[in-house]
Amino acid sequence: MQVSRTAKAMVTQMGMSKKLGQVAWTSSGGPSFVGQSMGQPSDCSGETADEIDAEVKALVERAYRCALKPAVIGLWLGSKLGVG
C-alpha cells in the first residue's frame, strides 16, 4: 500500500519520528514486504523494527483521521443545511 510505504520511508529514511529521532534506520527504499526482504541483512534490531512499525502505524492512523475529518464535517453540514 502506498500510504504505508510513504510512512515507512518518512520514519526509516527521512528521520521523521520524534520517538526514534532524526536517524536513517534503513539504507534502501525497496519493497518492505517479507518476500523481498528474506535473506538480506537487517539494518536494525527486532526491537527497533517493532518501534518503527508502531511509528508507521501511528503516522498512517493520524493521516487517516486528518483525511476523514473534512468528509465527516461536510456530511454533518450537508445534513444541517438539507443538502444531499
Protein backbone atom coordinates (compact mmCIF):
# COMPACT_ATOMS: atom_id res chain seq x y z
CA MET A 1 0.00 0.00 0.00
CA GLN A 2 1.38 3.40 -1.00
CA VAL A 3 0.47 5.10 2.29
CA SER A 4 2.39 2.54 4.34
CA ARG A 5 5.43 2.75 2.07
CA THR A 6 5.47 6.53 2.32
CA ALA A 7 5.05 6.49 6.10
CA LYS A 8 7.80 3.87 6.47
CA ALA A 9 10.15 5.95 4.31
CA MET A 10 9.35 9.01 6.42
CA VAL A 11 10.35 7.13 9.59
CA THR A 12 13.22 4.97 8.35
CA GLN A 13 14.89 7.08 5.65
CA MET A 14 13.99 10.68 6.47
CA GLY A 15 14.12 10.52 10.27
CA MET A 16 10.65 11.98 10.71
CA SER A 17 9.89 10.42 14.09
CA LYS A 18 10.11 12.17 17.44
CA LYS A 19 10.33 8.84 19.25
CA LEU A 20 13.12 7.34 17.09
CA GLY A 21 14.86 10.58 16.28
CA GLN A 22 16.32 12.03 13.12
CA VAL A 23 18.17 8.87 12.11
CA ALA A 24 18.15 6.90 8.87
CA TRP A 25 17.29 3.37 10.03
CA THR A 26 17.46 1.75 6.58
CA SER A 27 19.67 2.31 3.61
CA SER A 28 17.36 1.25 0.80
CA GLY A 29 13.89 2.25 -0.28
CA GLY A 30 12.96 -1.09 -1.79
CA PRO A 31 9.82 -3.12 -1.15
CA SER A 32 9.23 -3.83 2.51
CA PHE A 33 7.17 -7.00 2.38
CA VAL A 34 8.72 -10.21 3.67
CA GLY A 35 9.10 -11.98 0.33
CA GLN A 36 11.65 -9.50 -0.95
CA SER A 37 13.50 -8.87 2.30
CA MET A 38 14.28 -12.51 3.08
CA GLY A 39 17.95 -13.30 3.08
CA GLN A 40 19.01 -9.67 3.31
CA PRO A 41 20.74 -8.42 6.46
CA SER A 42 18.62 -6.33 8.78
CA ASP A 43 19.54 -2.67 9.30
CA CYS A 44 18.26 -2.69 12.89
CA SER A 45 17.30 -4.97 15.78
CA GLY A 46 13.94 -6.67 16.11
CA GLU A 47 13.01 -4.31 18.94
CA THR A 48 13.82 -1.26 16.81
CA ALA A 49 11.88 -2.77 13.89
CA ASP A 50 8.85 -3.11 16.19
CA GLU A 51 9.22 0.54 17.22
CA ILE A 52 9.46 1.55 13.55
CA ASP A 53 6.29 -0.43 12.80
CA ALA A 54 4.49 1.31 15.68
CA GLU A 55 5.59 4.74 14.42
CA VAL A 56 4.48 3.88 10.87
CA LYS A 57 1.11 2.70 12.16
CA ALA A 58 0.67 5.91 14.17
CA LEU A 59 1.51 8.05 11.11
CA VAL A 60 -0.97 6.17 8.92
CA GLU A 61 -3.73 6.39 11.54
CA ARG A 62 -3.11 10.11 12.05
CA ALA A 63 -3.22 10.72 8.29
CA TYR A 64 -6.46 8.74 8.04
CA ARG A 65 -8.10 10.80 10.79
CA CYS A 66 -6.96 14.03 9.12
CA ALA A 67 -8.33 12.91 5.76
CA LEU A 68 -11.62 11.71 7.25
CA LYS A 69 -12.35 14.84 9.28
CA PRO A 70 -13.34 17.14 6.35
CA ALA A 71 -15.61 14.43 4.93
CA VAL A 72 -17.42 13.98 8.24
CA ILE A 73 -17.78 17.73 8.71
CA GLY A 74 -19.11 18.05 5.15
CA LEU A 75 -21.69 15.33 5.75
CA TRP A 76 -22.76 16.94 9.02
CA LEU A 77 -23.05 20.39 7.41
CA GLY A 78 -24.93 18.92 4.47
CA SER A 79 -27.45 17.28 6.80
CA LYS A 80 -27.94 20.54 8.73
CA LEU A 81 -28.42 22.54 5.53
CA GLY A 82 -30.66 19.93 3.93
CA VAL A 83 -28.20 19.24 1.09
CA GLY A 84 -27.68 15.73 -0.25
